[in-house]
């Protein structure tokens, strides 16, 4: 049986501390990594959402520009046809 004196008590305490560190360090390390990875994922997801909204806005602008272009083209064609009709008369 082990006699408990001050030196043995210190060795037992240090041994228990080392055992606790060996057992809990991987769990703490993994939890920290999960936390930082999820933080990065949330940041990237927020960036993705903002880019998606910007894409919607740009698509809408493109549709508006195409519509304007069609209107302008039809007006130009109409004015050319009208000018040709007046020249022919």
PDB file of N, CA and C in Angstrom:
ATOM      1  N   UNK A   1       0.837  -1.181   0.000  1.00  0.00           N
ATOM      2  CA  UNK A   1       0.000   0.000   0.000  1.00  0.00           C
ATOM      3  C   UNK A   1       0.882   1.245   0.000  1.00  0.00           C
ATOM      4  N   UNK A   2       0.355   2.307  -0.634  1.00  0.00           N
ATOM      5  CA  UNK A   2       1.134   3.535  -0.781  1.00  0.00           C
ATOM      6  C   UNK A   2       0.921   4.404   0.449  1.00  0.00           C
ATOM      7  N   UNK A   3       2.030   4.868   0.983  1.00  0.00           N
ATOM      8  CA  UNK A   3       1.948   5.797   2.110  1.00  0.00           C
ATOM      9  C   UNK A   3       1.752   7.200   1.561  1.00  0.00           C
ATOM     10  N   UNK A   4       0.809   7.924   2.115  1.00  0.00           N
ATOM     11  CA  UNK A   4       0.537   9.282   1.654  1.00  0.00           C
ATOM     12  C   UNK A   4       1.347  10.278   2.472  1.00  0.00           C
ATOM     13  N   UNK A   5       2.404  10.742   1.868  1.00  0.00           N
ATOM     14  CA  UNK A   5       3.138  11.864   2.437  1.00  0.00           C
ATOM     15  C   UNK A   5       3.103  12.983   1.405  1.00  0.00           C
ATOM     16  N   UNK A   6       3.756  14.060   1.650  1.00  0.00           N
ATOM     17  CA  UNK A   6       3.649  15.222   0.769  1.00  0.00           C
ATOM     18  C   UNK A   6       4.192  14.933  -0.629  1.00  0.00           C
ATOM     19  N   UNK A   7       5.250  14.166  -0.757  1.00  0.00           N
ATOM     20  CA  UNK A   7       5.847  13.881  -2.060  1.00  0.00           C
ATOM     21  C   UNK A   7       4.924  12.958  -2.866  1.00  0.00           C
ATOM     22  N   UNK A   8       4.424  11.910  -2.240  1.00  0.00           N
ATOM     23  CA  UNK A   8       3.518  10.999  -2.936  1.00  0.00           C
ATOM     24  C   UNK A   8       2.218  11.708  -3.341  1.00  0.00           C
ATOM     25  N   UNK A   9       1.718  12.573  -2.509  1.00  0.00           N
ATOM     26  CA  UNK A   9       0.493  13.310  -2.820  1.00  0.00           C
ATOM     27  C   UNK A   9       0.693  14.204  -4.042  1.00  0.00           C
ATOM     28  N   UNK A  10       1.844  14.835  -4.145  1.00  0.00           N
ATOM     29  CA  UNK A  10       2.138  15.687  -5.302  1.00  0.00           C
ATOM     30  C   UNK A  10       2.218  14.842  -6.572  1.00  0.00           C
ATOM     31  N   UNK A  11       2.886  13.681  -6.506  1.00  0.00           N
ATOM     32  CA  UNK A  11       2.982  12.796  -7.674  1.00  0.00           C
ATOM     33  C   UNK A  11       1.603  12.296  -8.106  1.00  0.00           C
ATOM     34  N   UNK A  12       0.775  11.947  -7.139  1.00  0.00           N
ATOM     35  CA  UNK A  12      -0.577  11.480  -7.464  1.00  0.00           C
ATOM     36  C   UNK A  12      -1.387  12.611  -8.100  1.00  0.00           C
ATOM     37  N   UNK A  13      -1.289  13.822  -7.581  1.00  0.00           N
ATOM     38  CA  UNK A  13      -2.021  14.972  -8.126  1.00  0.00           C
ATOM     39  C   UNK A  13      -1.549  15.286  -9.539  1.00  0.00           C
ATOM     40  N   UNK A  14      -0.239  15.284  -9.760  1.00  0.00           N
ATOM     41  CA  UNK A  14       0.305  15.554 -11.087  1.00  0.00           C
ATOM     42  C   UNK A  14      -0.111  14.448 -12.057  1.00  0.00           C
ATOM     43  N   UNK A  15      -0.085  13.210 -11.622  1.00  0.00           N
ATOM     44  CA  UNK A  15      -0.513  12.095 -12.462  1.00  0.00           C
ATOM     45  C   UNK A  15      -1.974  12.212 -12.850  1.00  0.00           C
ATOM     46  N   UNK A  16      -2.836  12.582 -11.929  1.00  0.00           N
ATOM     47  CA  UNK A  16      -4.254  12.747 -12.223  1.00  0.00           C
ATOM     48  C   UNK A  16      -4.483  13.921 -13.182  1.00  0.00           C
ATOM     49  N   UNK A  17      -3.705  14.974 -12.988  1.00  0.00           N
ATOM     50  CA  UNK A  17      -3.808  16.123 -13.882  1.00  0.00           C
ATOM     51  C   UNK A  17      -3.397  15.737 -15.303  1.00  0.00           C
ATOM     52  N   UNK A  18      -2.305  15.019 -15.450  1.00  0.00           N
ATOM     53  CA  UNK A  18      -1.850  14.574 -16.759  1.00  0.00           C
ATOM     54  C   UNK A  18      -2.877  13.631 -17.404  1.00  0.00           C
ATOM     55  N   UNK A  19      -3.446  12.724 -16.611  1.00  0.00           N
ATOM     56  CA  UNK A  19      -4.460  11.821 -17.125  1.00  0.00           C
ATOM     57  C   UNK A  19      -5.689  12.593 -17.614  1.00  0.00           C
ATOM     58  N   UNK A  20      -6.099  13.588 -16.850  1.00  0.00           N
ATOM     59  CA  UNK A  20      -7.249  14.408 -17.255  1.00  0.00           C
ATOM     60  C   UNK A  20      -6.939  15.176 -18.533  1.00  0.00           C
ATOM     61  N   UNK A  21      -5.733  15.705 -18.641  1.00  0.00           N
ATOM     62  CA  UNK A  21      -5.356  16.422 -19.864  1.00  0.00           C
ATOM     63  C   UNK A  21      -5.340  15.498 -21.069  1.00  0.00           C
ATOM     64  N   UNK A  22      -4.809  14.303 -20.890  1.00  0.00           N
ATOM     65  CA  UNK A  22      -4.750  13.341 -21.998  1.00  0.00           C
ATOM     66  C   UNK A  22      -6.159  12.939 -22.429  1.00  0.00           C
ATOM     67  N   UNK A  23      -7.067  12.795 -21.482  1.00  0.00           N
ATOM     68  CA  UNK A  23      -8.426  12.382 -21.818  1.00  0.00           C
ATOM     69  C   UNK A  23      -9.259  13.507 -22.425  1.00  0.00           C
ATOM     70  N   UNK A  24      -9.113  14.731 -21.942  1.00  0.00           N
ATOM     71  CA  UNK A  24      -9.992  15.815 -22.363  1.00  0.00           C
ATOM     72  C   UNK A  24      -9.412  16.714 -23.449  1.00  0.00           C
ATOM     73  N   UNK A  25      -8.111  16.698 -23.683  1.00  0.00           N
ATOM     74  CA  UNK A  25      -7.520  17.549 -24.704  1.00  0.00           C
ATOM     75  C   UNK A  25      -8.073  17.280 -26.101  1.00  0.00           C
ATOM     76  N   UNK A  26      -8.205  16.027 -26.542  1.00  0.00           N
ATOM     77  CA  UNK A  26      -8.774  15.809 -27.884  1.00  0.00           C
ATOM     78  C   UNK A  26     -10.202  16.353 -28.024  1.00  0.00           C
ATOM     79  N   UNK A  27     -11.000  16.179 -26.985  1.00  0.00           N
ATOM     80  CA  UNK A  27     -12.375  16.676 -27.028  1.00  0.00           C
ATOM     81  C   UNK A  27     -12.392  18.200 -27.131  1.00  0.00           C
ATOM     82  N   UNK A  28     -11.589  18.884 -26.357  1.00  0.00           N
ATOM     83  CA  UNK A  28     -11.517  20.344 -26.400  1.00  0.00           C
ATOM     84  C   UNK A  28     -11.012  20.803 -27.760  1.00  0.00           C
ATOM     85  N   UNK A  29      -9.992  20.125 -28.296  1.00  0.00           N
ATOM     86  CA  UNK A  29      -9.425  20.478 -29.596  1.00  0.00           C
ATOM     87  C   UNK A  29     -10.467  20.320 -30.703  1.00  0.00           C
ATOM     88  N   UNK A  30     -11.195  19.229 -30.691  1.00  0.00           N
ATOM     89  CA  UNK A  30     -12.214  18.985 -31.719  1.00  0.00           C
ATOM     90  C   UNK A  30     -13.352  20.003 -31.607  1.00  0.00           C
ATOM     91  N   UNK A  31     -13.784  20.313 -30.398  1.00  0.00           N
ATOM     92  CA  UNK A  31     -14.856  21.292 -30.218  1.00  0.00           C
ATOM     93  C   UNK A  31     -14.427  22.677 -30.703  1.00  0.00           C
ATOM     94  N   UNK A  32     -13.180  23.049 -30.450  1.00  0.00           N
ATOM     95  CA  UNK A  32     -12.678  24.334 -30.945  1.00  0.00           C
ATOM     96  C   UNK A  32     -12.654  24.355 -32.463  1.00  0.00           C
ATOM     97  N   UNK A  33     -12.197  23.276 -33.077  1.00  0.00           N
ATOM     98  CA  UNK A  33     -12.162  23.229 -34.538  1.00  0.00           C
ATOM     99  C   UNK A  33     -13.570  23.289 -35.130  1.00  0.00           C
ATOM    100  N   UNK A  34     -14.511  22.584 -34.525  1.00  0.00           N
ATOM    101  CA  UNK A  34     -15.898  22.624 -34.992  1.00  0.00           C
ATOM    102  C   UNK A  34     -16.436  24.046 -34.889  1.00  0.00           C
ATOM    103  N   UNK A  35     -16.131  24.732 -33.801  1.00  0.00           N
ATOM    104  CA  UNK A  35     -16.603  26.105 -33.608  1.00  0.00           C
ATOM    105  C   UNK A  35     -16.063  27.021 -34.705  1.00  0.00           C
ATOM    106  N   UNK A  36     -14.759  26.964 -34.956  1.00  0.00           N
ATOM    107  CA  UNK A  36     -14.170  27.866 -35.952  1.00  0.00           C
ATOM    108  C   UNK A  36     -14.599  27.515 -37.370  1.00  0.00           C
ATOM    109  N   UNK A  37     -14.774  26.233 -37.674  1.00  0.00           N
ATOM    110  CA  UNK A  37     -15.238  25.841 -39.002  1.00  0.00           C
ATOM    111  C   UNK A  37     -16.683  26.307 -39.204  1.00  0.00           C
ATOM    112  N   UNK A  38     -17.521  26.152 -38.194  1.00  0.00           N
ATOM    113  CA  UNK A  38     -18.913  26.601 -38.330  1.00  0.00           C
ATOM    114  C   UNK A  38     -18.979  28.120 -38.449  1.00  0.00           C
ATOM    115  N   UNK A  39     -18.078  28.819 -37.781  1.00  0.00           N
ATOM    116  CA  UNK A  39     -18.003  30.276 -37.897  1.00  0.00           C
ATOM    117  C   UNK A  39     -17.649  30.663 -39.331  1.00  0.00           C
ATOM    118  N   UNK A  40     -16.677  29.966 -39.935  1.00  0.00           N
ATOM    119  CA  UNK A  40     -16.298  30.221 -41.325  1.00  0.00           C
ATOM    120  C   UNK A  40     -17.449  29.889 -42.276  1.00  0.00           C
ATOM    121  N   UNK A  41     -18.146  28.795 -42.001  1.00  0.00           N
ATOM    122  CA  UNK A  41     -19.277  28.400 -42.846  1.00  0.00           C
ATOM    123  C   UNK A  41     -20.366  29.470 -42.806  1.00  0.00           C
ATOM    124  N   UNK A  42     -20.669  29.993 -41.631  1.00  0.00           N
ATOM    125  CA  UNK A  42     -21.686  31.039 -41.510  1.00  0.00           C
ATOM    126  C   UNK A  42     -21.273  32.302 -42.262  1.00  0.00           C
ATOM    127  N   UNK A  43     -19.998  32.634 -42.178  1.00  0.00           N
ATOM    128  CA  UNK A  43     -19.487  33.809 -42.886  1.00  0.00           C
ATOM    129  C   UNK A  43     -19.613  33.616 -44.402  1.00  0.00           C
ATOM    130  N   UNK A  44     -19.228  32.436 -44.891  1.00  0.00           N
ATOM    131  CA  UNK A  44     -19.334  32.143 -46.318  1.00  0.00           C
ATOM    132  C   UNK A  44     -20.791  32.099 -46.769  1.00  0.00           C
ATOM    133  N   UNK A  45     -21.673  31.577 -45.929  1.00  0.00           N
ATOM    134  CA  UNK A  45     -23.088  31.507 -46.278  1.00  0.00           C
ATOM    135  C   UNK A  45     -23.684  32.912 -46.385  1.00  0.00           C
ATOM    136  N   UNK A  46     -23.308  33.792 -45.469  1.00  0.00           N
ATOM    137  CA  UNK A  46     -23.793  35.174 -45.540  1.00  0.00           C
ATOM    138  C   UNK A  46     -23.296  35.839 -46.821  1.00  0.00           C
ATOM    139  N   UNK A  47     -22.054  35.576 -47.184  1.00  0.00           N
ATOM    140  CA  UNK A  47     -21.497  36.115 -48.428  1.00  0.00           C
ATOM    141  C   UNK A  47     -22.252  35.541 -49.632  1.00  0.00           C
ATOM    142  N   UNK A  48     -22.561  34.254 -49.585  1.00  0.00           N
ATOM    143  CA  UNK A  48     -23.310  33.594 -50.654  1.00  0.00           C
ATOM    144  C   UNK A  48     -24.686  34.225 -50.822  1.00  0.00           C
ATOM    145  N   UNK A  49     -25.371  34.482 -49.712  1.00  0.00           N
ATOM    146  CA  UNK A  49     -26.706  35.084 -49.757  1.00  0.00           C
ATOM    147  C   UNK A  49     -26.633  36.478 -50.372  1.00  0.00           C
ATOM    148  N   UNK A  50     -25.631  37.273 -49.981  1.00  0.00           N
ATOM    149  CA  UNK A  50     -25.521  38.623 -50.536  1.00  0.00           C
ATOM    150  C   UNK A  50     -25.208  38.574 -52.028  1.00  0.00           C
ATOM    151  N   UNK A  51     -24.370  37.629 -52.453  1.00  0.00           N
ATOM    152  CA  UNK A  51     -24.069  37.490 -53.875  1.00  0.00           C
ATOM    153  C   UNK A  51     -25.304  37.037 -54.662  1.00  0.00           C
ATOM    154  N   UNK A  52     -26.104  36.186 -54.054  1.00  0.00           N
ATOM    155  CA  UNK A  52     -27.334  35.724 -54.698  1.00  0.00           C
ATOM    156  C   UNK A  52     -28.296  36.891 -54.904  1.00  0.00           C
ATOM    157  N   UNK A  53     -28.415  37.752 -53.902  1.00  0.00           N
ATOM    158  CA  UNK A  53     -29.284  38.925 -54.015  1.00  0.00           C
ATOM    159  C   UNK A  53     -28.748  39.885 -55.078  1.00  0.00           C
ATOM    160  N   UNK A  54     -27.437  40.069 -55.102  1.00  0.00           N
ATOM    161  CA  UNK A  54     -26.838  40.936 -56.115  1.00  0.00           C
ATOM    162  C   UNK A  54     -27.074  40.367 -57.515  1.00  0.00           C
ATOM    163  N   UNK A  55     -27.014  39.046 -57.641  1.00  0.00           N
ATOM    164  CA  UNK A  55     -27.270  38.409 -58.927  1.00  0.00           C
ATOM    165  C   UNK A  55     -28.706  38.673 -59.378  1.00  0.00           C
ATOM    166  N   UNK A  56     -29.664  38.572 -58.461  1.00  0.00           N
ATOM    167  CA  UNK A  56     -31.062  38.865 -58.802  1.00  0.00           C
ATOM    168  C   UNK A  56     -31.193  40.302 -59.313  1.00  0.00           C
ATOM    169  N   UNK A  57     -30.528  41.219 -58.622  1.00  0.00           N
ATOM    170  CA  UNK A  57     -30.580  42.622 -59.014  1.00  0.00           C
ATOM    171  C   UNK A  57     -29.978  42.812 -60.405  1.00  0.00           C
ATOM    172  N   UNK A  58     -28.841  42.177 -60.669  1.00  0.00           N
ATOM    173  CA  UNK A  58     -28.186  42.304 -61.975  1.00  0.00           C
ATOM    174  C   UNK A  58     -29.014  41.673 -63.090  1.00  0.00           C
ATOM    175  N   UNK A  59     -29.656  40.543 -62.804  1.00  0.00           N
ATOM    176  CA  UNK A  59     -30.525  39.912 -63.802  1.00  0.00           C
ATOM    177  C   UNK A  59     -31.687  40.835 -64.133  1.00  0.00           C
ATOM    178  N   UNK A  60     -32.245  41.476 -63.117  1.00  0.00           N
ATOM    179  CA  UNK A  60     -33.346  42.416 -63.347  1.00  0.00           C
ATOM    180  C   UNK A  60     -32.878  43.600 -64.184  1.00  0.00           C
ATOM    181  N   UNK A  61     -31.699  44.115 -63.892  1.00  0.00           N
ATOM    182  CA  UNK A  61     -31.156  45.220 -64.696  1.00  0.00           C
ATOM    183  C   UNK A  61     -30.940  44.786 -66.143  1.00  0.00           C
ATOM    184  N   UNK A  62     -30.433  43.572 -66.329  1.00  0.00           N
ATOM    185  CA  UNK A  62     -30.215  43.058 -67.679  1.00  0.00           C
ATOM    186  C   UNK A  62     -31.532  42.944 -68.440  1.00  0.00           C
ATOM    187  N   UNK A  63     -32.560  42.445 -67.800  1.00  0.00           N
ATOM    188  CA  UNK A  63     -33.873  42.350 -68.442  1.00  0.00           C
ATOM    189  C   UNK A  63     -34.402  43.731 -68.806  1.00  0.00           C
ATOM    190  N   UNK A  64     -34.221  44.701 -67.915  1.00  0.00           N
ATOM    191  CA  UNK A  64     -34.663  46.068 -68.204  1.00  0.00           C
ATOM    192  C   UNK A  64     -33.917  46.637 -69.407  1.00  0.00           C
ATOM    193  N   UNK A  65     -32.607  46.394 -69.463  1.00  0.00           N
ATOM    194  CA  UNK A  65     -31.814  46.904 -70.586  1.00  0.00           C
ATOM    195  C   UNK A  65     -32.216  46.224 -71.897  1.00  0.00           C
ATOM    196  N   UNK A  66     -32.491  44.929 -71.850  1.00  0.00           N
ATOM    197  CA  UNK A  66     -32.947  44.224 -73.054  1.00  0.00           C
ATOM    198  C   UNK A  66     -34.286  44.785 -73.527  1.00  0.00           C
ATOM    199  N   UNK A  67     -35.181  45.044 -72.589  1.00  0.00           N
ATOM    200  CA  UNK A  67     -36.484  45.594 -72.933  1.00  0.00           C
ATOM    201  C   UNK A  67     -36.335  46.974 -73.576  1.00  0.00           C
ATOM    202  N   UNK A  68     -35.505  47.822 -72.953  1.00  0.00           N
ATOM    203  CA  UNK A  68     -35.263  49.151 -73.518  1.00  0.00           C
ATOM    204  C   UNK A  68     -34.673  49.038 -74.917  1.00  0.00           C
ATOM    205  N   UNK A  69     -33.742  48.116 -75.087  1.00  0.00           N
ATOM    206  CA  UNK A  69     -33.105  47.928 -76.386  1.00  0.00           C
ATOM    207  C   UNK A  69     -34.137  47.507 -77.434  1.00  0.00           C
ATOM    208  N   UNK A  70     -35.042  46.618 -77.080  1.00  0.00           N
ATOM    209  CA  UNK A  70     -36.086  46.198 -78.011  1.00  0.00           C
ATOM    210  C   UNK A  70     -36.998  47.363 -78.379  1.00  0.00           C
ATOM    211  N   UNK A  71     -37.343  48.181 -77.389  1.00  0.00           N
ATOM    212  CA  UNK A  71     -38.206  49.346 -77.644  1.00  0.00           C
ATOM    213  C   UNK A  71     -37.492  50.324 -78.572  1.00  0.00           C
ATOM    214  N   UNK A  72     -36.234  50.613 -78.277  1.00  0.00           N
ATOM    215  CA  UNK A  72     -35.483  51.553 -79.102  1.00  0.00           C
ATOM    216  C   UNK A  72     -35.331  51.009 -80.515  1.00  0.00           C
ATOM    217  N   UNK A  73     -35.022  49.719 -80.647  1.00  0.00           N
ATOM    218  CA  UNK A  73     -34.894  49.114 -81.974  1.00  0.00           C
ATOM    219  C   UNK A  73     -36.193  49.212 -82.760  1.00  0.00           C
ATOM    220  N   UNK A  74     -37.299  48.943 -82.100  1.00  0.00           N
ATOM    221  CA  UNK A  74     -38.585  49.007 -82.808  1.00  0.00           C
ATOM    222  C   UNK A  74     -38.915  50.436 -83.196  1.00  0.00           C
ATOM    223  N   UNK A  75     -38.557  51.420 -82.374  1.00  0.00           N
ATOM    224  CA  UNK A  75     -38.790  52.821 -82.725  1.00  0.00           C
ATOM    225  C   UNK A  75     -37.925  53.240 -83.909  1.00  0.00           C
ATOM    226  N   UNK A  76     -36.676  52.777 -83.911  1.00  0.00           N
ATOM    227  CA  UNK A  76     -35.773  53.113 -85.016  1.00  0.00           C
ATOM    228  C   UNK A  76     -36.282  52.489 -86.310  1.00  0.00           C
ATOM    229  N   UNK A  77     -36.665  51.231 -86.237  1.00  0.00           N
ATOM    230  CA  UNK A  77     -37.189  50.555 -87.434  1.00  0.00           C
ATOM    231  C   UNK A  77     -38.458  51.240 -87.912  1.00  0.00           C
ATOM    232  N   UNK A  78     -39.335  51.619 -86.982  1.00  0.00           N
ATOM    233  CA  UNK A  78     -40.582  52.308 -87.347  1.00  0.00           C
ATOM    234  C   UNK A  78     -40.278  53.648 -88.003  1.00  0.00           C
ATOM    235  N   UNK A  79     -39.325  54.400 -87.447  1.00  0.00           N
ATOM    236  CA  UNK A  79     -38.997  55.703 -88.034  1.00  0.00           C
ATOM    237  C   UNK A  79     -38.347  55.542 -89.407  1.00  0.00           C
ATOM    238  N   UNK A  80     -37.537  54.495 -89.604  1.00  0.00           N
ATOM    239  CA  UNK A  80     -36.931  54.244 -90.913  1.00  0.00           C
ATOM    240  C   UNK A  80     -38.011  53.880 -91.923  1.00  0.00           C
ATOM    241  N   UNK A  81     -38.936  53.017 -91.515  1.00  0.00           N
ATOM    242  CA  UNK A  81     -40.024  52.628 -92.412  1.00  0.00           C
ATOM    243  C   UNK A  81     -40.905  53.829 -92.746  1.00  0.00           C
ATOM    244  N   UNK A  82     -41.146  54.665 -91.769  1.00  0.00           N
ATOM    245  CA  UNK A  82     -41.970  55.850 -91.987  1.00  0.00           C
ATOM    246  C   UNK A  82     -41.265  56.818 -92.943  1.00  0.00           C
ATOM    247  N   UNK A  83     -39.951  56.944 -92.771  1.00  0.00           N
ATOM    248  CA  UNK A  83     -39.189  57.813 -93.669  1.00  0.00           C
ATOM    249  C   UNK A  83     -39.188  57.256 -95.086  1.00  0.00           C
ATOM    250  N   UNK A  84     -39.084  55.961 -95.233  1.00  0.00           N
ATOM    251  CA  UNK A  84     -39.117  55.337 -96.565  1.00  0.00           C
ATOM    252  C   UNK A  84     -40.489  55.506 -97.215  1.00  0.00           C
ATOM    253  N   UNK A  85     -41.532  55.399 -96.425  1.00  0.00           N
ATOM    254  CA  UNK A  85     -42.882  55.568 -96.954  1.00  0.00           C
ATOM    255  C   UNK A  85     -43.106  57.005 -97.425  1.00  0.00           C
ATOM    256  N   UNK A  86     -42.580  57.952 -96.662  1.00  0.00           N
ATOM    257  CA  UNK A  86     -42.773  59.350 -97.073  1.00  0.00           C
ATOM    258  C   UNK A  86     -41.926  59.692 -98.298  1.00  0.00           C
ATOM    259  N   UNK A  87     -40.752  59.030 -98.437  1.00  0.00           N
ATOM    260  CA  UNK A  87     -39.912  59.246 -99.624  1.00  0.00           C
ATOM    261  C   UNK A  87     -40.558  58.638-100.871  1.00  0.00           C
ATOM    262  N   UNK A  88     -41.219  57.528-100.709  1.00  0.00           N
ATOM    263  CA  UNK A  88     -41.850  56.850-101.839  1.00  0.00           C
ATOM    264  C   UNK A  88     -43.079  57.612-102.328  1.00  0.00           C
ATOM    265  N   UNK A  89     -43.704  58.368-101.514  1.00  0.00           N
ATOM    266  CA  UNK A  89     -44.919  59.114-101.943  1.00  0.00           C
ATOM    267  C   UNK A  89     -44.535  60.376-102.581  1.00  0.00           C
TER     268      UNK A  89
END
